[in-house]
Structure formats: C-alpha cells, structure tokens
Amino acid sequence: MAKAKKIFICANCGAESIKWIGKCPACGEWNTYREEVIMRETLQEEKRRSWAGKPDGKSGPRPVLLEEITAGNTQRLVTPDRELNRVLGGGIVSGSLVLIGGQPGIGKSTLLLQLALGLPVKVLYVSGEESEEQIKMRADRISGKASDCYILTETNTTKILGHAQQLGPDVIIIDSIQTLVSPHIESTPGSVSQVRECAGELQRFAKETNIPVFIIGHITKDGSIAGPKLLEHIVDAVLQFEGDQHYTYRVLRTLKNRFGSTDELGIYEMQSNGLREVSNPSELLISQKDDDLSGSAIAATMEGLRPMLIETQALVSKAVYGTPQRSATGFDLRRLSMLLAVLEKRGGLLFGQNDVFLNIAGGIRVDDPAIDLAIVSALISSLEDVAIPDKCCFAGEVGLSGEIRAVNRIEQRIQEADRLGFRQIIISKYNVKGLDFSRYQLQVQPIGKIEELYQQLFT
C-alpha cells in the first residue's frame, strides 16, 4: 500500500527535507524549499523483494565486459540548420535528450519550429503553451512549405507518450517542460517534483525508442534554467539561447554536451520571417564607420573552432559625481578592473579619477582572454583621445606584470583578419615562433609589453 506524504524540496538543487528550512544545506541558497506531495511506499520489505530475487537476464540488460562492447559510429541526423549542427557536435544523435533554455521572447519556440519545418523526417511538436492556431500562424510566417510536422496541444505526459508511440515520429519537440503534468505526481505544473518526473519519463522514452527529444525550458531571473539542477544532469545536452531583445543577433551556446564539444557557438539574426543563420559573424560584429574615432579596437577572438573579429568600445571621461564609475557590457567587470590596475601600475596611465565604460559591440558576451589586448588599446585610445589606425586588430592576453602573453590558435586568428582585409595585427612576441609571415597579406606586429603597445600606436 502507498499513501500521500508531504516533503519539502529545494527548487535549486533538488535536496529533500521533512520540514521547511530557510537555507538549503546542500547548495546554500535561501528560501528555495517548496512543499511537494509525493508517494512513498510504507513497507520496506516490498522494496527489498524488488531486488533480492534472482535477476532475469532475458528481459533486461546484463553486466557485460568492457572488451566485449563494440564501439560503433554514432548515428546523427544532420539538420538543414548548420549553426545548430555545429552546436550539437555534427547533428542530432538518436535517443538524445536536448534542453534549450533562454529568456522569454528570445526565439526558442521559433528556432525549434523552424527545425521541425525544415527536417525531412516526421516530427511531433508538442505545445502546452500555445494553441494549434497560434502555432499555425507562426509556421506560416516562418515558412510556407508543407512538411511532415504534427502538432499536439497536450500537457499530460502519459497521453503525449501514448500519441508518440502510436505516431512513431523521428523527432519530438516539447514546448515546454514547465507546462507538462505527470499523473503519477500530485502537484502543480512547473513544481520541482513535476519537472523532475516529467523529464525522467521523457528520458526513459527517448532511450528505449531511440527517438531524439528536444525540450524547451524556462529560466529564472538570474539567467539559470528553472527547476532543479537534476534536470540539467538528466539531459544529454544543454543549450543556452542568449541575446538582447533590442539587438537582432542571437547566440546559441553549449553548456553541456555528451556527444560533442562544449566550446561551440551558433549565431542567428532575428528577422520578420524567423531566424537566419549567420555564417560570417565577423562582418556583422564590426561596425561600419566613416571617421576614425577614438576608443574603438578590433579583437581577433575564438569561439570554439570559429575565429571571429569583434569590435570593443571604451569611453574614458572625467568623474563628475565623485566616485568613478566602472561599467562593462559583454565583458567581465572584475577583469576590466584588473586591466585598469595593470595600466596604472605598469603603464603609468591614470584611470583612478575617470569614469570607464566598456562595451562589446553586437550585444554578445566574450570570455576569450585574447580580447585583453584590444580592450587595453581601446582604453588607452579613449584616454588619449587618439584613434587607432584603420584596419588594425589585436590578439593577446595581458598579464599582471604588463606582459603580452601568447594565445592559442593564433594562425586561425591571423587568417580571419587577413581574409577580411585587415592590414595589421598586433600579437604577442611569444606567438611568433613557427609562424610563416609570407603566407599573409597583412603585417604581423609582435610586442612583449604594454609600453611597446603605447609606443607603437600612440607616439
């Protein structure tokens, strides 16, 4: 026999407690415990009998020696979306469970509906947030082509999986996991126990049928995916759809991927008829300006295996409100403070009484250390009010002693700058070893310290 029992579950990490706790002892977050109604068996003997008997090797998996396992090639479904293929590691893996998170209105449903309309296989699109008419209106706006895409507006997981078993689709899309309800759990949709149980059912279905499942997940106000952390551990891949709604660019990042690299990145442009792939982001992330303006520098960065040229913009002005301000958009504020300290200590440039504002053009965020040299150049350019020469870019990491450190994949950065018509690239002198300068049309200028950068550009 079983009876209903109430426990408290942490909405952040999924830890359980028999009573309400202000601070979670597992993850340290405050006020995250929520009351949930779960089912617990009262007889422990029933649990013991479930595993104490002799296992039946014919009906389930059995232990196998590692040497007996043959590693075959993973079958992938290549989609028409090349950016999504890049992020997933080459295509959709059979039986995989992929979670896509992002801010409301960023384009998650549009991205997956485009995928459903573009795939040449049978797709089941399950929506618990929109009606069939709303999905049809969006599909007509995205593409008027007929496709083998089935729409199901349902939130009960048992009925959804029953329809999927009967239809036999090649891909299933769930929009969204927070709207699904499992009849085996007596709690409201979107609760911790419901999200965990529904994700577990979808995972078992995907692994048993070899049908890949895409799940859309909501995010919290701090940008993390809503629900317990167990949700991210269950799925095979976690993709984050980022971007500012005031910009047209959208970035699809990989936070977890069991079938590929987590360093890949896909870039889209939001248009009236849906999302467009951006195959050459460098040309879009570099602004077109007629006049030479101070405070602007071009950085040669790497996102995964893709080289990109990004414009960094800095503004240094006198502090008129007493305490100087430090603001960074698309860049780590603590690293900006470190670079300012290096410029004051090693370069003798005074930023202490100035407001400093930094912006990465295009509304994207960059974590590549090779962008340091471009940011330092933009800061000095704005402080001295001297424009950096046209068609000049930078690739180098700045150390605490003021040295310019080497960065990885310097040849790909140089080739990208050369392809876009740049005439000069400034790199670390420790990256010069093994480079053949005759292969490039642009001039490669190696430097070792910040003082050399100042002498090269601003004297």
Foldseek 3Di string as FASTA:
>chain_A
DKDKAKWWAFQAAGDIGRDDDQADPPPGDGPRIDIFIAIDDPDVVVVCVVPVDDDDCVPDPDDDDPVPDDDDDFDFQAFPDPLVCQQQARHHTFLFEEEEEEAPPLQPVLVVLVRQAGGQWAEEEEAQPDDPVVSVVLNVLQDPDDHNYHYHHDQELVVVVVVCVVVVTQEYEYHALQRHAYPNTPDHRNDQVRSVVSLVVSSVSRNVSRRYYYHYFYADPVQHTGYHPVSVVSGQWYWYWDFDPVFQKIKIFTPHHPNHDRQRMWMWGQDRNGTHGDPACQVVQDDDDDDQWALKAWAFFDRPPDTHIWIKGKAKAFDPPPAAAQEEQQEDSVVVVLLQVLCCPQVVDDRRRIHMYMYTGRRHHDDGQQCSVRNNRSVVRNSVRHGFDPLEHEGFHADNNFWTHADPPVVNSQVVSQVVPRAEYEHAPVPPPPDDPVVGNHHYHHDTGVNVVCVVTPD
